[in-house]
Amino acid sequence: MNEQIYKLITRMVVAVMAGRHKVVQELYEQYLRERYLYVSLKELLESKKAG
């Protein structure tokens, strides 16, 4: 894993401890994109609207 992934995981752990579930969800989506080259359905729909 690269350094960016470790930073995202650390930020997720801190956000969970702080009770900031919305932030955790956003960080998890970033993690998936970094780790698996993941594109969310939301991003696909937004790109289709723009195009």
Protein backbone atom coordinates (compact mmCIF):
# COMPACT_ATOMS: atom_id res chain seq x y z
CA MET A 1 0.00 0.00 0.00
CA ASN A 2 1.18 3.49 -0.65
CA GLU A 3 1.53 6.32 1.82
CA GLN A 4 -1.72 8.01 0.72
CA ILE A 5 -3.72 4.93 1.69
CA TYR A 6 -2.15 4.84 5.16
CA LYS A 7 -3.03 8.51 5.64
CA LEU A 8 -6.64 7.87 4.64
CA ILE A 9 -6.91 4.92 7.03
CA THR A 10 -5.48 7.01 9.87
CA ARG A 11 -7.92 9.83 9.16
CA MET A 12 -10.82 7.33 9.11
CA VAL A 13 -9.81 5.92 12.51
CA VAL A 14 -9.62 9.40 14.03
CA ALA A 15 -12.97 10.37 12.49
CA VAL A 16 -14.63 7.21 13.89
CA MET A 17 -13.25 7.98 17.34
CA ALA A 18 -14.62 11.53 17.03
CA GLY A 19 -18.04 10.23 15.94
CA ARG A 20 -17.95 11.95 12.54
CA HIS A 21 -19.67 9.30 10.45
CA LYS A 22 -20.23 11.49 7.37
CA VAL A 23 -16.49 12.22 7.21
CA VAL A 24 -15.74 8.51 7.59
CA GLN A 25 -17.99 7.72 4.65
CA GLU A 26 -16.27 10.32 2.45
CA LEU A 27 -12.82 9.11 3.46
CA TYR A 28 -13.81 5.52 2.78
CA GLU A 29 -14.90 6.46 -0.75
CA GLN A 30 -11.51 8.13 -1.28
CA TYR A 31 -9.82 5.00 0.06
CA LEU A 32 -11.70 2.80 -2.40
CA ARG A 33 -10.71 5.04 -5.29
CA GLU A 34 -7.05 4.94 -4.25
CA ARG A 35 -6.93 1.23 -3.49
CA TYR A 36 -9.07 -0.23 -6.27
CA LEU A 37 -9.34 2.53 -8.86
CA TYR A 38 -12.99 2.66 -7.88
CA VAL A 39 -15.50 5.03 -9.44
CA SER A 40 -18.77 5.53 -7.59
CA LEU A 41 -22.16 5.46 -9.28
CA LYS A 42 -22.62 9.08 -8.25
CA GLU A 43 -19.49 10.05 -10.19
CA LEU A 44 -20.60 8.08 -13.24
CA LEU A 45 -24.01 9.78 -13.26
CA GLU A 46 -22.45 13.22 -12.81
CA SER A 47 -20.09 12.65 -15.72
CA LYS A 48 -22.98 11.54 -17.94
CA LYS A 49 -24.96 14.70 -17.03
CA ALA A 50 -21.94 16.89 -17.84
CA GLY A 51 -21.34 15.14 -21.18
